[in-house]
């Protein structure tokens, strides 16, 4: 599996079998993004919630690529009304796809489309591909059940927001990593705007002090 950071909370995952999955592909208006929506392809798009910086360019990409959108059922209805392919899930629900498996988790956050439509619950995402488990926490605050998520499955990569204000800040994100105990933690959702400025090196040092691993990816970096 190849995991590429696209900036903010957007990621691209490519499987050995040739499938491409995007998570929260906000690209065209993303000051961090190194690629635009018309230069990236997808077979599937996973959306954690409907805020503009996560819903992003999902509609444009899905329409051009005939990609299937995976998200909570209420947000699926929003995309279905636009004539797009979707697969609904709900918190705790999971489904196998040709690339692997997706399960939605709790995320303590809001969700509303840019045009004001009700979009159901915000979610985190557990995604399995090529034997690797990626936990994209979505936009969330810290919650104790993160420990349960880490106990129920081995998380290889945890993608955690550190920008504060709208999500966890560094202190809570460090605790989240301690609870989940992933193989590697990757910070996201920071420095997009001054209001969510955070130093990833500070975060990485504190993660390493726990005996855990942290990997700082710049937009465009791949692992």
Protein backbone atom coordinates (compact mmCIF):
# COMPACT_ATOMS: atom_id res chain seq x y z
CA UNK A 1 0.00 0.00 0.00
CA UNK A 2 1.11 3.55 -0.77
CA UNK A 3 -0.12 6.35 1.49
CA UNK A 4 0.27 9.91 0.17
CA UNK A 5 -0.47 13.06 2.17
CA UNK A 6 -2.31 15.63 0.08
CA UNK A 7 -2.45 18.39 2.71
CA UNK A 8 -4.79 19.35 5.58
CA UNK A 9 -6.74 16.08 6.16
CA UNK A 10 -6.64 14.71 2.62
CA UNK A 11 -4.90 11.42 1.84
CA UNK A 12 -4.53 9.09 -1.13
CA UNK A 13 -4.17 5.33 -0.62
CA UNK A 14 -3.15 3.05 -3.48
CA UNK A 15 -3.32 -0.73 -3.24
CA UNK A 16 -1.10 -3.36 -4.79
CA UNK A 17 -4.15 -4.43 -6.79
CA UNK A 18 -4.34 -1.02 -8.46
CA UNK A 19 -7.23 0.55 -6.55
CA UNK A 20 -7.04 4.18 -5.42
CA UNK A 21 -8.95 5.52 -2.42
CA UNK A 22 -9.11 9.18 -1.43
CA UNK A 23 -10.02 10.39 2.05
CA UNK A 24 -11.42 13.92 2.45
CA UNK A 25 -10.07 15.22 -0.89
CA UNK A 26 -10.10 18.99 -0.40
CA UNK A 27 -7.58 20.10 -3.03
CA UNK A 28 -8.49 22.98 -5.34
CA UNK A 29 -8.88 25.62 -2.61
CA UNK A 30 -6.50 23.99 -0.17
CA UNK A 31 -3.45 26.23 0.34
CA UNK A 32 -1.40 23.18 1.35
CA UNK A 33 -2.29 20.89 -1.55
CA UNK A 34 0.35 20.13 -4.17
CA UNK A 35 -2.17 18.56 -6.59
CA UNK A 36 -5.51 19.70 -7.99
CA UNK A 37 -8.70 17.71 -8.31
CA UNK A 38 -8.39 17.37 -12.08
CA UNK A 39 -4.99 15.70 -11.81
CA UNK A 40 -5.91 12.93 -9.39
CA UNK A 41 -7.98 9.79 -9.93
CA UNK A 42 -9.97 7.62 -7.57
CA UNK A 43 -11.98 4.43 -7.54
CA UNK A 44 -13.43 5.20 -4.11
CA UNK A 45 -13.73 8.33 -1.98
CA UNK A 46 -14.22 8.20 1.79
CA UNK A 47 -15.67 11.30 3.46
CA UNK A 48 -15.45 11.72 7.24
CA UNK A 49 -17.92 14.63 7.40
CA UNK A 50 -19.43 17.38 5.30
CA UNK A 51 -17.51 20.53 6.23
CA UNK A 52 -16.04 22.24 3.16
CA UNK A 53 -12.44 21.34 4.03
CA UNK A 54 -13.31 17.62 4.02
CA UNK A 55 -16.16 17.31 1.53
CA UNK A 56 -13.84 19.29 -0.68
CA UNK A 57 -13.70 18.23 -4.32
CA UNK A 58 -15.34 14.84 -3.81
CA UNK A 59 -18.21 15.57 -6.18
CA UNK A 60 -15.95 16.73 -9.02
CA UNK A 61 -13.59 13.79 -8.67
CA UNK A 62 -16.37 11.23 -8.27
CA UNK A 63 -18.21 12.51 -11.33
CA UNK A 64 -15.10 12.54 -13.53
CA UNK A 65 -13.80 9.14 -12.33
CA UNK A 66 -17.14 7.43 -11.71
CA UNK A 67 -15.86 6.80 -8.19
CA UNK A 68 -18.01 5.40 -5.39
CA UNK A 69 -18.37 7.63 -2.30
CA UNK A 70 -18.33 5.93 1.11
CA UNK A 71 -19.75 7.88 4.06
CA UNK A 72 -22.57 8.01 6.61
CA UNK A 73 -26.02 7.34 5.18
CA UNK A 74 -27.31 10.91 5.46
CA UNK A 75 -24.36 12.30 3.54
CA UNK A 76 -24.80 9.50 0.99
CA UNK A 77 -28.31 10.79 0.32
CA UNK A 78 -26.84 14.23 -0.39
CA UNK A 79 -24.51 12.76 -3.02
CA UNK A 80 -27.16 10.41 -4.44
CA UNK A 81 -29.40 13.41 -5.11
CA UNK A 82 -26.55 14.69 -7.30
CA UNK A 83 -26.56 11.46 -9.29
CA UNK A 84 -23.37 10.00 -7.79
CA UNK A 85 -22.59 6.43 -6.74
CA UNK A 86 -22.46 5.88 -2.98
CA UNK A 87 -22.21 3.19 -0.36
CA UNK A 88 -23.77 4.08 3.02
CA UNK A 89 -22.28 3.14 6.37
CA UNK A 90 -23.03 4.29 9.89
CA UNK A 91 -20.92 4.55 13.03
CA UNK A 92 -19.74 1.04 13.89
CA UNK A 93 -20.69 -0.33 10.47
CA UNK A 94 -18.16 -1.91 8.13
CA UNK A 95 -18.03 -3.22 4.57
CA UNK A 96 -15.52 -5.05 2.39
CA UNK A 97 -14.65 -3.54 -0.98
CA UNK A 98 -12.33 -4.71 -3.77
CA UNK A 99 -9.46 -2.72 -2.22
CA UNK A 100 -10.04 -3.89 1.37
CA UNK A 101 -12.40 -2.91 4.17
CA UNK A 102 -13.83 0.27 5.72
CA UNK A 103 -15.34 0.76 9.16
CA UNK A 104 -16.66 4.02 10.58
CA UNK A 105 -15.92 5.08 14.15
CA UNK A 106 -16.97 7.85 16.49
CA UNK A 107 -15.64 11.34 15.89
CA UNK A 108 -16.72 14.14 18.20
CA UNK A 109 -17.42 16.91 15.72
CA UNK A 110 -20.22 18.52 13.69
CA UNK A 111 -21.25 17.94 10.09
CA UNK A 112 -23.12 20.17 7.67
CA UNK A 113 -22.64 20.64 3.94
CA UNK A 114 -21.46 24.03 2.65
CA UNK A 115 -24.99 24.72 1.38
CA UNK A 116 -26.51 23.99 4.78
CA UNK A 117 -27.82 20.45 4.24
CA UNK A 118 -28.04 18.01 7.14
CA UNK A 119 -25.21 15.52 6.80
CA UNK A 120 -25.60 13.11 9.73
CA UNK A 121 -22.83 12.31 12.18
CA UNK A 122 -19.15 13.09 11.74
CA UNK A 123 -17.02 9.94 11.63
CA UNK A 124 -13.55 8.55 11.91
CA UNK A 125 -12.43 5.85 9.48
CA UNK A 126 -10.66 2.55 9.89
CA UNK A 127 -9.44 1.37 6.50
CA UNK A 128 -7.68 -1.91 5.77
CA UNK A 129 -5.67 -2.28 2.57
CA UNK A 130 -2.97 -4.82 1.69
CA UNK A 131 -2.87 -6.04 5.29
CA UNK A 132 -2.32 -2.51 6.67
CA UNK A 133 -4.79 -0.73 8.98
CA UNK A 134 -5.06 3.05 8.70
CA UNK A 135 -7.07 4.98 11.30
CA UNK A 136 -8.07 8.41 9.98
CA UNK A 137 -9.61 9.96 13.07
CA UNK A 138 -11.46 12.66 11.14
CA UNK A 139 -12.01 15.96 12.88
CA UNK A 140 -12.45 15.00 16.51
CA UNK A 141 -11.82 15.78 20.10
CA UNK A 142 -10.20 13.27 22.41
CA UNK A 143 -12.40 10.44 23.67
CA UNK A 144 -11.75 7.46 25.92
CA UNK A 145 -13.09 4.91 23.43
CA UNK A 146 -9.99 5.48 21.32
CA UNK A 147 -8.41 2.97 23.69
CA UNK A 148 -11.07 0.44 22.69
CA UNK A 149 -10.38 1.09 19.00
CA UNK A 150 -6.72 0.30 19.61
CA UNK A 151 -7.58 -2.82 21.59
CA UNK A 152 -9.92 -4.24 18.95
CA UNK A 153 -7.46 -4.01 16.07
CA UNK A 154 -3.81 -3.31 15.49
CA UNK A 155 -3.59 0.18 13.97
CA UNK A 156 -0.54 0.58 11.75
CA UNK A 157 -0.99 4.27 10.86
CA UNK A 158 -3.00 6.77 12.88
CA UNK A 159 -3.75 10.07 11.13
CA UNK A 160 -4.43 12.57 13.91
CA UNK A 161 -5.34 16.28 13.87
CA UNK A 162 -3.12 18.53 16.00
CA UNK A 163 -4.27 22.04 15.05
CA UNK A 164 -6.56 22.67 18.04
CA UNK A 165 -9.55 25.08 17.87
CA UNK A 166 -11.73 22.79 15.70
CA UNK A 167 -10.11 19.46 16.68
CA UNK A 168 -7.63 18.01 19.14
CA UNK A 169 -4.55 20.07 19.82
CA UNK A 170 -1.11 18.61 20.46
CA UNK A 171 -1.77 17.67 24.11
CA UNK A 172 -4.92 15.69 23.34
CA UNK A 173 -3.50 14.19 20.15
CA UNK A 174 -0.54 12.83 22.13
CA UNK A 175 -2.98 11.24 24.57
CA UNK A 176 -4.96 9.84 21.64
CA UNK A 177 -1.82 8.14 20.33
CA UNK A 178 -1.14 6.76 23.79
CA UNK A 179 -4.66 5.29 23.90
CA UNK A 180 -4.63 3.79 20.39
CA UNK A 181 -0.94 2.80 20.45
CA UNK A 182 -0.52 2.77 16.66
CA UNK A 183 2.59 1.65 14.83
CA UNK A 184 3.09 5.18 13.47
CA UNK A 185 1.22 8.44 14.12
CA UNK A 186 1.02 11.03 11.33
CA UNK A 187 -0.14 14.57 12.24
CA UNK A 188 -2.70 16.35 10.06
CA UNK A 189 -5.15 19.28 10.12
CA UNK A 190 -2.63 21.93 11.16
CA UNK A 191 -0.99 25.07 9.69
CA UNK A 192 -3.58 25.36 6.92
CA UNK A 193 -4.55 28.73 8.39
CA UNK A 194 -2.97 30.75 11.22
CA UNK A 195 -5.82 29.85 13.57
CA UNK A 196 -4.76 26.18 13.55
CA UNK A 197 -1.00 26.75 13.65
CA UNK A 198 0.90 23.96 15.40
CA UNK A 199 4.48 22.68 15.44
CA UNK A 200 4.61 19.05 14.27
CA UNK A 201 8.15 18.67 15.60
CA UNK A 202 6.87 19.35 19.12
CA UNK A 203 4.17 16.74 18.58
CA UNK A 204 6.66 14.22 17.19
CA UNK A 205 9.03 14.71 20.15
CA UNK A 206 6.25 14.06 22.63
CA UNK A 207 5.08 10.97 20.74
CA UNK A 208 8.63 9.60 20.73
CA UNK A 209 8.92 10.30 24.47
CA UNK A 210 6.12 7.76 24.91
CA UNK A 211 8.19 5.16 23.07
CA UNK A 212 5.97 5.47 19.99
CA UNK A 213 6.79 6.46 16.42
CA UNK A 214 5.75 9.62 14.61
CA UNK A 215 6.15 10.46 10.94
CA UNK A 216 5.75 14.05 9.72
CA UNK A 217 4.63 14.15 6.10
CA UNK A 218 4.69 17.28 3.98
CA UNK A 219 1.97 17.61 1.34
CA UNK A 220 2.99 15.37 -1.53
CA UNK A 221 5.07 13.02 0.64
CA UNK A 222 4.37 9.31 0.34
CA UNK A 223 5.05 6.33 2.56
